[in-house]
Structures are given as C-alpha cells and as structure tokens.
C-alpha cells in the first residue's frame, strides 16, 4: 500500500521543511563557532547553573528568561532536550550539548571550537553579549522548526490513507529496507521538488539517530509521529475525508462497465434508487432517470381536424338575387 497523490504532496512538504530548517540551523551553528571567544565548555557551564554536569529543560528555560524570551514554554524546552538526549535520561550531557551547538558539516571548525581555551563561568555570571545572542538564536530556531514540523505532521496524519509504513514504502520504492539520499531524491523528484545533495544530506542527518546515514523504518516512524495529540477539528476533518472517500469508492463500484450502456453520472445513480426495475429493459437504449418516476399514461387518440370553408354560406334570398343578376348580365 502506498500513499495517494495528496498525501505524497504533504509528505514532500514535511521533508522539504526538514531540509530547510536543518540548513538554517547549520548556518547558525557555524556563525556561533566563528566567534573567536566562543568555547563549548564555557557555554555548557553557562547553562549548568547547579554544576551537576547536566543541562535540564528548566535550566534552558532560565537561560531564555535571562534573555527576555518568554515565548518558549518549559514543555517545548523539554522536547528540545529529549530530541538531543542520547541516553534518554531527560537531561543533556556535554556530548549531547555539543551535538546541539556545533556544526555537523564543517569538521575543521568543529575541532577549532573544541580546542579553544575555556574560562570558568560562575553561577551568576554570563557570557559575552554576541555569544549569548548566538546561543539564543540556535534555541529559538530549534523550537520554531519543531513547531513547524508538528503542524505538517498533523496535517499528514489527518489523511485517511496515511500510515508510517505506506509513507516509508512511497520513498523506498526499490524495497532496499532503508532510505538514503538516492531514493529520497528520487521520491522528491517524482512529486515535483528537485533537491540538491546538500538538502538531501540535511534531511537524512536530521532524522537519522544512529549516525549511519540511512533511515530505518523505526527512525522514520518515530519522526513522522506528531508529539501533540490531534485536535477535535482535525479529527472531524479526518472523518469527513474518510466518508467522502468511501462515497467515491461506492460510486466507482456501482459504475456500469458494459460497453452497450452509457456510464451514468452520480446524480443519475442517486436517482436510480427510486426507479422501476423495468427501467433498463433494453440493453441498447439509455433511459432517463426521470421517466420511471411517473406511471405510463396512454396517449389520447387525435381528434379530426375541421378546416373552415373559404366562403361564407349564402341565404336562399341572396342566392336568388345572385342568379337573377348573372342572367341579366349574360
């Protein structure tokens, strides 16, 4: 089973949003690492206020409030921590923290940032202004990307023909059991989007969790599942879409495929439930859906037509006068 055209289009929009967001984040990470005073250890100490060698969602919210950002909730901060948490303990270790801040495509810049000398950051101290603004920019873009992807995932899940397996098979058309840049690019081209190699690598890098540059079904299914439950309006829209699809299939099943009978329209088919069983008695002659609603009435016999005489009938006195005048004239 594969996805329909509309579901494939929505899946394409989701994948394109992943690629665009990941490339934007990569640019922000490189911009942060290009600051000469930035040191990853100092940035980690700036977040880790309780000095327990871990960064929690509450500490990220504290950093955001210090930067006058009140639009990101603690729940969204926890989802951000859970996305980069490798051991699933609800906290970010130093290696998880590096995965969120350091670039993925520029290994030289990554190593230069790691080799920089770090200074101790106290509990009530802050980093330079440009570094803190760059850190804030990365976190804000991560949260914005999660919000955007959640919206697209819910729209995709609202489709009646969507399932994680159907979406996976639509991309893995060669049945390799994995999704790589080759079959991902083939799928995007088939739906009208010509992605570059950099964009394809960004999509795979964002979804891949084990770092093998291939997407298994488990990784893809976890990615396509939305984090927020669907709303009531979305459930109602899904029910309406399923009802419309069932009606369409019922009409297709009821279509007359005989070459001697014309294909009736849905309006005529809805009217056929009131028709007489003798309606299609002739296989060669189509009948109107409105003919069988009223009983057949016998045609009345035509009345004989009376044509009026071209001359008016004369009275006897007038006939005598006319004959007398003719005789006199002759």
Protein backbone atom coordinates (compact mmCIF):
# COMPACT_ATOMS: atom_id res chain seq x y z
CA UNK A 1 0.00 0.00 0.00
CA UNK A 2 1.34 3.43 -0.95
CA UNK A 3 0.18 6.97 -0.40
CA UNK A 4 -2.16 8.91 -2.66
CA UNK A 5 -1.18 12.00 -4.57
CA UNK A 6 -2.29 14.48 -1.91
CA UNK A 7 -0.60 12.53 0.89
CA UNK A 8 2.63 12.35 -1.10
CA UNK A 9 2.47 16.11 -1.61
CA UNK A 10 2.11 16.67 2.15
CA UNK A 11 4.96 14.26 2.84
CA UNK A 12 7.07 16.22 0.39
CA UNK A 13 6.28 19.47 2.22
CA UNK A 14 7.31 17.87 5.51
CA UNK A 15 10.64 16.64 4.14
CA UNK A 16 11.39 19.96 2.45
CA UNK A 17 10.68 21.80 5.73
CA UNK A 18 13.12 19.45 7.49
CA UNK A 19 15.85 20.20 4.96
CA UNK A 20 15.32 23.96 5.04
CA UNK A 21 15.26 24.09 8.83
CA UNK A 22 18.35 21.94 9.24
CA UNK A 23 20.36 24.03 6.77
CA UNK A 24 19.30 27.23 8.55
CA UNK A 25 20.37 25.74 11.87
CA UNK A 26 23.67 24.65 10.41
CA UNK A 27 24.36 28.22 9.33
CA UNK A 28 23.56 29.46 12.85
CA UNK A 29 25.91 26.86 14.39
CA UNK A 30 28.73 27.91 12.10
CA UNK A 31 28.06 31.56 12.94
CA UNK A 32 28.37 30.76 16.64
CA UNK A 33 31.60 28.79 16.21
CA UNK A 34 33.14 31.57 14.13
CA UNK A 35 33.08 33.85 17.19
CA UNK A 36 36.64 33.77 18.46
CA UNK A 37 35.70 33.91 22.15
CA UNK A 38 33.24 31.04 21.98
CA UNK A 39 34.26 27.92 23.90
CA UNK A 40 31.88 24.97 24.26
CA UNK A 41 32.92 24.25 27.88
CA UNK A 42 32.17 27.81 28.92
CA UNK A 43 28.79 27.71 27.18
CA UNK A 44 27.96 24.45 28.96
CA UNK A 45 28.83 26.00 32.32
CA UNK A 46 26.64 28.98 31.47
CA UNK A 47 23.62 26.67 31.21
CA UNK A 48 24.58 24.26 34.00
CA UNK A 49 23.83 26.53 36.97
CA UNK A 50 23.68 23.76 39.57
CA UNK A 51 27.02 22.28 38.43
CA UNK A 52 25.81 18.67 38.16
CA UNK A 53 27.39 18.12 34.70
CA UNK A 54 23.96 18.01 33.02
CA UNK A 55 21.64 20.57 31.42
CA UNK A 56 17.93 20.19 32.13
CA UNK A 57 14.92 21.78 30.48
CA UNK A 58 14.46 24.07 33.49
CA UNK A 59 17.98 25.44 33.05
CA UNK A 60 17.29 26.11 29.37
CA UNK A 61 14.12 28.00 30.36
CA UNK A 62 16.15 30.00 32.87
CA UNK A 63 18.60 30.97 30.14
CA UNK A 64 15.71 32.02 27.89
CA UNK A 65 14.15 34.16 30.62
CA UNK A 66 17.51 35.83 31.21
CA UNK A 67 17.49 36.76 27.52
CA UNK A 68 13.95 38.20 27.80
CA UNK A 69 12.40 35.36 25.82
CA UNK A 70 9.01 34.40 27.21
CA UNK A 71 7.53 32.73 24.11
CA UNK A 72 9.06 29.27 24.66
CA UNK A 73 7.39 27.14 27.31
CA UNK A 74 9.05 24.58 29.54
CA UNK A 75 7.28 21.80 27.65
CA UNK A 76 8.91 22.89 24.39
CA UNK A 77 12.26 23.11 26.17
CA UNK A 78 11.76 19.54 27.43
CA UNK A 79 11.01 18.36 23.89
CA UNK A 80 14.22 20.03 22.75
CA UNK A 81 16.17 18.22 25.46
CA UNK A 82 14.53 14.90 24.58
CA UNK A 83 15.41 15.33 20.88
CA UNK A 84 19.17 15.61 21.62
CA UNK A 85 19.20 13.29 24.62
CA UNK A 86 21.13 10.18 23.60
CA UNK A 87 20.68 8.09 26.76
CA UNK A 88 17.05 9.15 27.33
CA UNK A 89 17.52 10.30 30.91
CA UNK A 90 15.75 13.65 30.36
CA UNK A 91 18.99 15.66 30.57
CA UNK A 92 21.72 16.79 28.22
CA UNK A 93 25.24 15.62 28.83
CA UNK A 94 28.20 17.55 27.48
CA UNK A 95 28.30 15.42 24.32
CA UNK A 96 24.57 15.98 23.74
CA UNK A 97 25.11 19.70 24.27
CA UNK A 98 27.85 19.71 21.64
CA UNK A 99 25.53 17.93 19.21
CA UNK A 100 23.06 20.79 19.54
CA UNK A 101 25.57 23.66 19.17
CA UNK A 102 28.48 22.55 16.98
CA UNK A 103 28.26 22.31 13.17
CA UNK A 104 27.85 18.93 11.51
CA UNK A 105 29.29 19.61 8.05
CA UNK A 106 32.43 21.59 8.90
CA UNK A 107 34.69 19.30 10.92
CA UNK A 108 37.57 21.77 10.87
CA UNK A 109 35.50 24.49 12.50
CA UNK A 110 34.15 21.95 14.96
CA UNK A 111 37.65 20.90 16.04
CA UNK A 112 38.83 24.51 16.29
CA UNK A 113 35.94 25.31 18.63
CA UNK A 114 36.70 22.30 20.82
CA UNK A 115 40.39 23.24 21.10
CA UNK A 116 39.72 26.79 22.32
CA UNK A 117 40.65 27.73 25.83
CA UNK A 118 37.64 27.90 28.14
CA UNK A 119 37.18 30.13 31.15
CA UNK A 120 35.24 29.38 34.28
CA UNK A 121 31.70 30.78 34.29
CA UNK A 122 30.21 31.27 37.74
CA UNK A 123 26.64 30.65 38.80
CA UNK A 124 25.59 34.26 38.39
CA UNK A 125 27.89 35.18 35.51
CA UNK A 126 27.13 35.45 31.81
CA UNK A 127 28.95 35.09 28.53
CA UNK A 128 29.68 37.99 26.16
CA UNK A 129 26.62 39.51 24.53
CA UNK A 130 27.28 38.23 21.00
CA UNK A 131 27.79 34.66 22.20
CA UNK A 132 24.60 34.65 24.25
CA UNK A 133 22.60 36.08 21.36
CA UNK A 134 24.01 33.40 19.05
CA UNK A 135 23.06 30.70 21.59
CA UNK A 136 19.57 32.17 21.85
CA UNK A 137 19.23 32.22 18.07
CA UNK A 138 20.00 28.49 17.83
CA UNK A 139 17.49 27.55 20.52
CA UNK A 140 14.76 29.73 19.02
CA UNK A 141 15.29 28.22 15.57
CA UNK A 142 15.22 24.70 17.01
CA UNK A 143 11.87 25.39 18.69
CA UNK A 144 10.46 27.10 15.59
CA UNK A 145 11.43 24.10 13.49
CA UNK A 146 9.75 21.72 15.93
CA UNK A 147 6.55 23.79 15.81
CA UNK A 148 6.57 23.88 12.03
CA UNK A 149 7.17 20.14 11.75
CA UNK A 150 4.41 19.36 14.26
CA UNK A 151 1.92 21.29 12.15
CA UNK A 152 2.94 19.46 8.98
CA UNK A 153 2.89 16.09 10.75
CA UNK A 154 -0.64 16.64 12.00
CA UNK A 155 -1.77 17.63 8.50
CA UNK A 156 -0.17 14.48 7.13
CA UNK A 157 -1.70 12.27 9.82
CA UNK A 158 -5.15 13.68 9.04
CA UNK A 159 -5.10 11.95 5.66
CA UNK A 160 -7.22 8.79 5.53
CA UNK A 161 -4.62 6.81 3.57
CA UNK A 162 -1.61 7.76 5.70
CA UNK A 163 0.42 5.31 7.70
CA UNK A 164 4.09 5.22 8.58
CA UNK A 165 4.59 2.05 6.53
CA UNK A 166 2.81 3.50 3.48
CA UNK A 167 4.94 6.65 3.66
CA UNK A 168 8.10 4.58 4.05
CA UNK A 169 7.24 2.45 1.02
CA UNK A 170 6.46 5.53 -1.04
CA UNK A 171 10.03 6.70 -0.53
CA UNK A 172 11.72 3.28 -0.55
CA UNK A 173 10.44 2.32 -3.98
CA UNK A 174 13.29 -0.12 -4.61
CA UNK A 175 12.49 -2.09 -1.41
CA UNK A 176 16.01 -1.74 -0.03
CA UNK A 177 14.75 -1.67 3.54
CA UNK A 178 16.38 1.73 4.10
CA UNK A 179 16.09 5.33 2.98
CA UNK A 180 19.21 7.07 1.72
CA UNK A 181 19.86 10.18 -0.32
CA UNK A 182 19.34 8.31 -3.60
CA UNK A 183 15.79 7.02 -3.13
CA UNK A 184 14.88 10.14 -1.15
CA UNK A 185 15.92 12.31 -4.09
CA UNK A 186 14.00 10.04 -6.47
CA UNK A 187 10.84 10.44 -4.41
CA UNK A 188 11.17 14.23 -4.20
CA UNK A 189 11.71 14.50 -7.96
CA UNK A 190 8.62 12.37 -8.60
CA UNK A 191 6.49 14.87 -6.65
CA UNK A 192 7.99 17.94 -8.32
CA UNK A 193 10.83 19.02 -5.99
CA UNK A 194 14.41 18.85 -7.24
CA UNK A 195 16.56 18.80 -4.11
CA UNK A 196 20.29 19.33 -4.06
CA UNK A 197 22.70 16.89 -2.47
CA UNK A 198 23.22 19.26 0.47
CA UNK A 199 19.48 19.38 1.13
CA UNK A 200 19.18 15.58 0.95
CA UNK A 201 22.04 15.16 3.41
CA UNK A 202 20.41 17.67 5.75
CA UNK A 203 17.11 15.74 5.70
CA UNK A 204 18.80 12.42 6.42
CA UNK A 205 21.02 13.94 9.11
CA UNK A 206 18.04 15.43 10.94
CA UNK A 207 16.05 12.18 11.03
CA UNK A 208 18.95 9.74 11.47
CA UNK A 209 19.54 8.82 15.13
CA UNK A 210 22.25 6.15 14.92
CA UNK A 211 24.55 8.06 12.58
CA UNK A 212 24.74 5.51 9.72
CA UNK A 213 23.46 7.99 7.08
CA UNK A 214 20.49 5.67 6.40
CA UNK A 215 16.93 5.81 7.71
CA UNK A 216 15.41 2.62 9.02
CA UNK A 217 11.68 2.14 9.38
CA UNK A 218 11.87 2.67 13.16
CA UNK A 219 13.64 6.00 12.75
CA UNK A 220 11.23 7.14 10.06
CA UNK A 221 8.13 6.08 12.02
CA UNK A 222 9.38 7.91 15.11
CA UNK A 223 9.98 11.02 13.03
CA UNK A 224 6.56 11.09 11.35
CA UNK A 225 4.65 10.70 14.61
CA UNK A 226 3.49 14.07 15.91
CA UNK A 227 4.24 14.95 19.51
CA UNK A 228 0.96 16.80 20.15
CA UNK A 229 -2.40 14.97 20.08
CA UNK A 230 -4.73 15.90 17.20
CA UNK A 231 -7.39 18.49 17.89
CA UNK A 232 -11.13 17.93 17.60
CA UNK A 233 -11.33 19.85 14.32
CA UNK A 234 -8.61 17.66 12.84
CA UNK A 235 -10.44 14.50 13.90
CA UNK A 236 -13.65 15.79 12.31
CA UNK A 237 -11.80 16.69 9.11
CA UNK A 238 -10.34 13.18 9.01
CA UNK A 239 -13.79 11.65 9.43
CA UNK A 240 -15.20 13.82 6.62
CA UNK A 241 -12.34 12.84 4.33
CA UNK A 242 -12.87 9.15 5.03
CA UNK A 243 -16.61 9.47 4.40
CA UNK A 244 -16.01 11.24 1.09
CA UNK A 245 -13.55 8.57 0.04
CA UNK A 246 -15.99 5.76 0.90
CA UNK A 247 -18.70 7.50 -1.13
CA UNK A 248 -16.35 7.88 -4.07
CA UNK A 249 -15.38 4.22 -3.97
CA UNK A 250 -19.02 3.17 -3.70
CA UNK A 251 -19.81 5.18 -6.81
CA UNK A 252 -16.90 3.60 -8.64
CA UNK A 253 -18.07 0.12 -7.64
CA UNK A 254 -21.58 0.85 -8.89
CA UNK A 255 -20.48 2.12 -12.28
CA UNK A 256 -21.80 0.16 -15.22
CA UNK A 257 -18.86 -1.14 -17.21
CA UNK A 258 -20.89 -2.66 -20.09
CA UNK A 259 -19.84 -1.24 -23.49
CA UNK A 260 -23.50 -1.17 -24.58
CA UNK A 261 -24.71 1.05 -21.75
CA UNK A 262 -23.64 4.60 -21.09
CA UNK A 263 -21.96 5.42 -17.77
CA UNK A 264 -24.44 7.19 -15.56
CA UNK A 265 -23.50 10.28 -13.60
CA UNK A 266 -23.62 10.29 -9.76
CA UNK A 267 -26.82 12.34 -9.90
CA UNK A 268 -28.48 9.77 -12.10
CA UNK A 269 -27.21 6.97 -9.89
CA UNK A 270 -28.64 8.61 -6.78
CA UNK A 271 -31.98 8.88 -8.56
CA UNK A 272 -31.90 5.24 -9.64
CA UNK A 273 -32.97 4.01 -6.21
CA UNK A 274 -36.49 5.32 -6.97
CA UNK A 275 -36.58 3.90 -10.48
CA UNK A 276 -38.66 0.97 -11.68
CA UNK A 277 -36.95 -2.45 -12.02
CA UNK A 278 -38.04 -2.47 -15.71
CA UNK A 279 -36.14 0.69 -16.38
CA UNK A 280 -33.14 -0.88 -18.16
CA UNK A 281 -35.10 -3.50 -20.04
CA UNK A 282 -33.39 -2.65 -23.33
CA UNK A 283 -29.59 -3.05 -23.39
CA UNK A 284 -29.22 -0.69 -26.32
CA UNK A 285 -31.35 2.26 -25.33
CA UNK A 286 -30.47 4.54 -22.40
CA UNK A 287 -33.38 5.71 -20.33
CA UNK A 288 -33.81 8.95 -18.45
CA UNK A 289 -33.82 8.77 -14.62
CA UNK A 290 -36.97 10.91 -14.59
CA UNK A 291 -39.03 8.64 -16.87
CA UNK A 292 -39.68 5.95 -14.30
CA UNK A 293 -40.92 8.29 -11.58
CA UNK A 294 -44.45 8.72 -13.05
CA UNK A 295 -46.72 5.91 -14.38
CA UNK A 296 -47.06 5.48 -18.12
CA UNK A 297 -50.14 7.25 -19.39
CA UNK A 298 -51.95 6.13 -22.61
CA UNK A 299 -51.77 8.61 -25.45
CA UNK A 300 -55.23 10.02 -26.39
CA UNK A 301 -56.39 9.47 -29.96
CA UNK A 302 -56.05 12.59 -32.13
CA UNK A 303 -59.29 14.41 -32.90
CA UNK A 304 -60.21 15.03 -36.55
CA UNK A 305 -59.26 18.47 -37.66
CA UNK A 306 -62.09 20.64 -39.11
CA UNK A 307 -60.95 23.16 -41.65
CA UNK A 308 -63.34 26.18 -42.12
CA UNK A 309 -64.84 26.84 -45.58
CA UNK A 310 -63.13 29.65 -47.52
CA UNK A 311 -66.55 31.19 -48.47
CA UNK A 312 -69.48 32.10 -46.30
CA UNK A 313 -72.74 30.17 -46.88
CA UNK A 314 -75.43 32.37 -48.63
CA UNK A 315 -79.01 32.62 -47.61
CA UNK A 316 -81.77 31.48 -50.16
CA UNK A 317 -82.85 35.06 -50.85
CA UNK A 318 -79.27 36.05 -51.60
CA UNK A 319 -78.85 33.06 -53.94
CA UNK A 320 -81.93 34.08 -55.94
CA UNK A 321 -80.70 37.64 -56.27
CA UNK A 322 -77.26 36.44 -57.38
CA UNK A 323 -78.72 34.14 -60.07
CA UNK A 324 -81.03 36.88 -61.36
CA UNK A 325 -78.11 39.31 -61.63
CA UNK A 326 -75.99 36.80 -63.55
CA UNK A 327 -78.76 36.14 -66.04
CA UNK A 328 -79.26 39.86 -66.64
CA UNK A 329 -75.52 40.30 -67.18
CA UNK A 330 -75.36 37.47 -69.68
